[in-house]
Amino acid sequence: MRDDFPSQLDELLSYFKGEFKDEHPFASISHAPEPLTPAQFMLGSSDGGMRFASNNGLGFVFAAHISPQLAVPMLRAYRENFKPSVFMEQPKSILAIMVIAAETDEEAEYLAGPAELQWVRWGTGQFTNPPPTLEEVANHTYTIQEQRVKEENKGKFIIGSIERVKEEIRTLADEAQVDEVMILNMLTEKASRHRSYELLAKAFSL
């Protein structure tokens, strides 16, 4: 299958720059006034997204919950290779990662069980819905293969008490040299999900 992404990206950026050639089929399409043009960010989980973002002067969001081992080197490489553009004069980067915070490490690890099992299922070809419940996780026995995948997935999560989570987020953000951290949590219990975000908000507002 032909990879049309580079040409599609070029067309999108040309649209926002208003630089279509006269003969281009989209040349007659007018773009929004400059103040309404959104900031341009590339989401990636490999060096491909990093190269697009740095070469075109775009912001870069790295999905550390997909490829945790590449997060720091790719985000550093983006900043080192960034070329200013009409979209951004300076690099701006965001690291996305799954974070599950609770009052204690033990509670956080318990609440993270469904998310961890879901990712293990995806990693072993078990695409089932809905996500597992806390009770289902408590009664689940990991196979040797599943346990191996669970260990490999640990870098995709930051799990623990708010003190531990805050320290790990700051350390990772400093190593990756990012401007922001984007948080996912995948908690299946609504109250626990709200509490996790509440703890994070309080911790980082001080």
Protein backbone atom coordinates (compact mmCIF):
# COMPACT_ATOMS: atom_id res chain seq x y z
CA MET A 1 0.00 0.00 0.00
CA ARG A 2 1.31 3.42 -0.93
CA ASP A 3 2.19 5.71 1.99
CA ASP A 4 0.30 8.95 1.33
CA PHE A 5 0.98 10.48 4.73
CA PRO A 6 3.86 12.77 3.67
CA SER A 7 1.84 14.27 0.83
CA GLN A 8 -1.25 14.58 3.02
CA LEU A 9 0.77 16.38 5.68
CA ASP A 10 2.23 18.69 3.05
CA GLU A 11 -1.27 19.55 1.84
CA LEU A 12 -2.48 20.24 5.37
CA LEU A 13 0.45 22.54 6.14
CA SER A 14 0.06 24.28 2.78
CA TYR A 15 -3.58 24.91 3.65
CA PHE A 16 -2.70 26.64 6.90
CA LYS A 17 0.12 28.59 5.25
CA GLY A 18 -2.07 29.54 2.30
CA GLU A 19 0.62 28.40 -0.10
CA PHE A 20 -1.13 26.12 -2.56
CA LYS A 21 0.07 26.54 -6.14
CA ASP A 22 -2.52 27.97 -8.53
CA GLU A 23 -2.94 24.65 -10.32
CA HIS A 24 -3.49 22.69 -7.10
CA PRO A 25 -7.08 21.37 -6.74
CA PHE A 26 -7.29 22.95 -3.27
CA ALA A 27 -5.97 26.35 -4.31
CA SER A 28 -9.41 27.98 -4.17
CA ILE A 29 -10.03 26.89 -0.56
CA SER A 30 -9.51 29.74 1.90
CA HIS A 31 -8.12 29.05 5.35
CA ALA A 32 -9.14 30.54 8.67
CA PRO A 33 -7.68 33.91 9.70
CA GLU A 34 -4.25 33.52 11.28
CA PRO A 35 -5.43 34.14 14.89
CA LEU A 36 -7.82 31.19 14.51
CA THR A 37 -5.22 28.80 13.10
CA PRO A 38 -4.60 26.07 15.71
CA ALA A 39 -1.13 25.20 16.93
CA GLN A 40 0.29 22.42 14.77
CA PHE A 41 1.42 19.30 16.63
CA MET A 42 2.57 15.93 15.35
CA LEU A 43 1.68 12.89 17.45
CA GLY A 44 4.18 10.06 17.19
CA SER A 45 5.52 6.94 18.85
CA SER A 46 8.64 6.47 16.70
CA ASP A 47 11.35 8.39 14.89
CA GLY A 48 9.01 8.94 11.93
CA GLY A 49 6.76 11.36 13.79
CA MET A 50 9.79 13.03 15.33
CA ARG A 51 11.34 13.71 11.92
CA PHE A 52 8.10 15.14 10.50
CA ALA A 53 7.73 17.44 13.50
CA SER A 54 11.32 18.67 13.66
CA ASN A 55 11.75 19.12 9.89
CA ASN A 56 8.49 21.04 9.49
CA GLY A 57 8.78 23.20 12.59
CA LEU A 58 5.79 21.63 14.36
CA GLY A 59 5.10 20.83 17.98
CA PHE A 60 5.64 17.20 18.93
CA VAL A 61 3.64 14.90 21.21
CA PHE A 62 5.25 11.56 21.97
CA ALA A 63 3.07 8.61 23.01
CA ALA A 64 5.17 7.16 25.83
CA HIS A 65 2.25 4.86 26.67
CA ILE A 66 2.91 3.19 23.30
CA SER A 67 6.73 3.18 23.07
CA PRO A 68 8.10 4.12 26.51
CA GLN A 69 11.68 3.12 25.70
CA LEU A 70 11.82 5.64 22.86
CA ALA A 71 10.23 8.57 24.68
CA VAL A 72 13.33 10.29 26.04
CA PRO A 73 15.64 9.81 23.01
CA MET A 74 12.93 10.83 20.50
CA LEU A 75 11.87 13.93 22.43
CA ARG A 76 15.49 15.00 22.87
CA ALA A 77 16.19 14.39 19.18
CA TYR A 78 13.16 16.48 18.24
CA ARG A 79 14.47 19.44 20.23
CA GLU A 80 17.99 19.06 18.87
CA ASN A 81 16.84 18.87 15.23
CA PHE A 82 13.99 21.38 15.32
CA LYS A 83 13.82 23.80 12.38
CA PRO A 84 11.82 27.02 12.99
CA SER A 85 8.78 27.55 10.79
CA VAL A 86 5.83 29.88 10.33
CA PHE A 87 4.04 27.65 12.84
CA MET A 88 6.61 27.69 15.62
CA GLU A 89 9.84 29.59 16.17
CA GLN A 90 10.90 27.37 19.07
CA PRO A 91 10.32 23.66 19.71
CA LYS A 92 7.39 22.71 21.93
CA SER A 93 7.03 19.15 23.11
CA ILE A 94 4.56 17.10 25.12
CA LEU A 95 4.99 13.64 26.63
CA ALA A 96 1.84 11.49 26.90
CA ILE A 97 1.80 8.69 29.45
CA MET A 98 -0.64 6.72 31.59
CA VAL A 99 -0.70 7.84 35.23
CA ILE A 100 -2.67 6.23 38.04
CA ALA A 101 -2.44 7.97 41.41
CA ALA A 102 -4.06 7.10 44.72
CA GLU A 103 -3.58 7.70 48.43
CA THR A 104 -1.04 4.86 48.70
CA ASP A 105 1.16 2.79 46.40
CA GLU A 106 -0.84 -0.32 47.27
CA GLU A 107 -4.19 1.25 46.39
CA ALA A 108 -2.84 2.62 43.12
CA GLU A 109 -1.45 -0.76 42.11
CA TYR A 110 -4.80 -2.39 42.92
CA LEU A 111 -6.75 0.20 40.89
CA ALA A 112 -4.33 -0.13 37.98
CA GLY A 113 -5.08 -3.82 37.63
CA PRO A 114 -7.80 -3.54 34.93
CA ALA A 115 -5.70 -1.20 32.77
CA GLU A 116 -2.65 -3.45 33.05
CA LEU A 117 -4.67 -6.56 32.19
CA GLN A 118 -6.31 -4.81 29.25
CA TRP A 119 -2.92 -3.87 27.80
CA VAL A 120 -1.70 -7.41 28.35
CA ARG A 121 -4.70 -8.70 26.42
CA TRP A 122 -4.01 -6.32 23.56
CA GLY A 123 -0.36 -7.38 23.59
CA THR A 124 -1.30 -11.04 23.31
CA GLY A 125 -3.97 -10.66 20.64
CA GLN A 126 -6.99 -10.79 22.98
CA PHE A 127 -9.12 -7.91 21.71
CA THR A 128 -12.07 -8.25 24.06
CA ASN A 129 -14.54 -5.68 25.39
CA PRO A 130 -15.49 -4.28 27.82
CA PRO A 131 -12.31 -3.74 29.89
CA PRO A 132 -11.84 -6.13 32.82
CA THR A 133 -13.27 -5.21 36.22
CA LEU A 134 -11.39 -5.09 39.50
CA GLU A 135 -13.09 -8.34 40.51
CA GLU A 136 -12.10 -10.00 37.25
CA VAL A 137 -8.49 -8.94 37.72
CA ALA A 138 -8.48 -10.29 41.28
CA ASN A 139 -9.56 -13.70 39.97
CA HIS A 140 -7.26 -13.71 36.94
CA THR A 141 -4.13 -15.87 36.84
CA TYR A 142 -1.54 -14.54 34.40
CA THR A 143 -0.02 -17.06 32.04
CA ILE A 144 3.75 -17.05 31.57
CA GLN A 145 3.33 -15.17 28.30
CA GLU A 146 0.94 -12.65 29.86
CA GLN A 147 3.27 -12.06 32.79
CA ARG A 148 6.12 -11.36 30.39
CA VAL A 149 4.01 -8.82 28.49
CA LYS A 150 2.90 -7.22 31.77
CA GLU A 151 6.54 -6.69 32.74
CA GLU A 152 7.32 -5.25 29.31
CA ASN A 153 4.41 -2.81 29.71
CA LYS A 154 5.57 -1.33 33.01
CA GLY A 155 7.24 1.65 31.32
CA LYS A 156 3.87 2.66 29.85
CA PHE A 157 2.50 3.44 33.31
CA ILE A 158 3.36 5.63 36.26
CA ILE A 159 1.52 4.09 39.21
CA GLY A 160 1.62 4.96 42.89
CA SER A 161 0.95 7.40 45.70
CA ILE A 162 0.80 11.02 44.67
CA GLU A 163 4.27 11.67 46.16
CA ARG A 164 5.80 8.86 44.11
CA VAL A 165 3.88 9.74 40.96
CA LYS A 166 4.76 13.44 41.17
CA GLU A 167 8.46 12.65 41.50
CA GLU A 168 8.43 10.18 38.60
CA ILE A 169 6.56 12.59 36.32
CA ARG A 170 8.96 15.43 37.05
CA THR A 171 11.99 13.19 36.55
CA LEU A 172 10.71 11.87 33.23
CA ALA A 173 9.72 15.35 32.04
CA ASP A 174 13.19 16.69 32.86
CA GLU A 175 14.93 13.80 31.10
CA ALA A 176 12.76 14.24 28.00
CA GLN A 177 13.09 18.05 28.09
CA VAL A 178 9.37 18.54 27.51
CA ASP A 179 7.17 21.57 28.04
CA GLU A 180 4.11 19.60 29.10
CA VAL A 181 2.98 16.16 30.22
CA MET A 182 -0.33 14.77 28.91
CA ILE A 183 -1.95 12.27 31.25
CA LEU A 184 -4.19 9.26 30.57
CA ASN A 185 -5.29 6.92 33.34
CA MET A 186 -7.77 4.29 32.01
CA LEU A 187 -9.26 3.75 35.46
CA THR A 188 -12.52 1.82 35.16
CA GLU A 189 -13.99 3.12 38.43
CA LYS A 190 -15.38 6.65 38.04
CA ALA A 191 -14.73 7.77 41.62
CA SER A 192 -11.14 6.49 41.52
CA ARG A 193 -10.57 8.16 38.16
CA HIS A 194 -11.77 11.50 39.49
CA ARG A 195 -9.72 11.10 42.67
CA SER A 196 -6.56 10.36 40.67
CA TYR A 197 -6.94 13.57 38.68
CA GLU A 198 -7.81 15.50 41.83
CA LEU A 199 -4.62 14.34 43.57
CA LEU A 200 -2.54 15.24 40.52
CA ALA A 201 -4.14 18.69 40.25
CA LYS A 202 -3.42 19.45 43.90
CA ALA A 203 0.14 18.13 43.71
CA PHE A 204 1.12 20.19 40.69
CA SER A 205 -0.68 23.38 41.72
CA LEU A 206 1.49 23.84 44.80
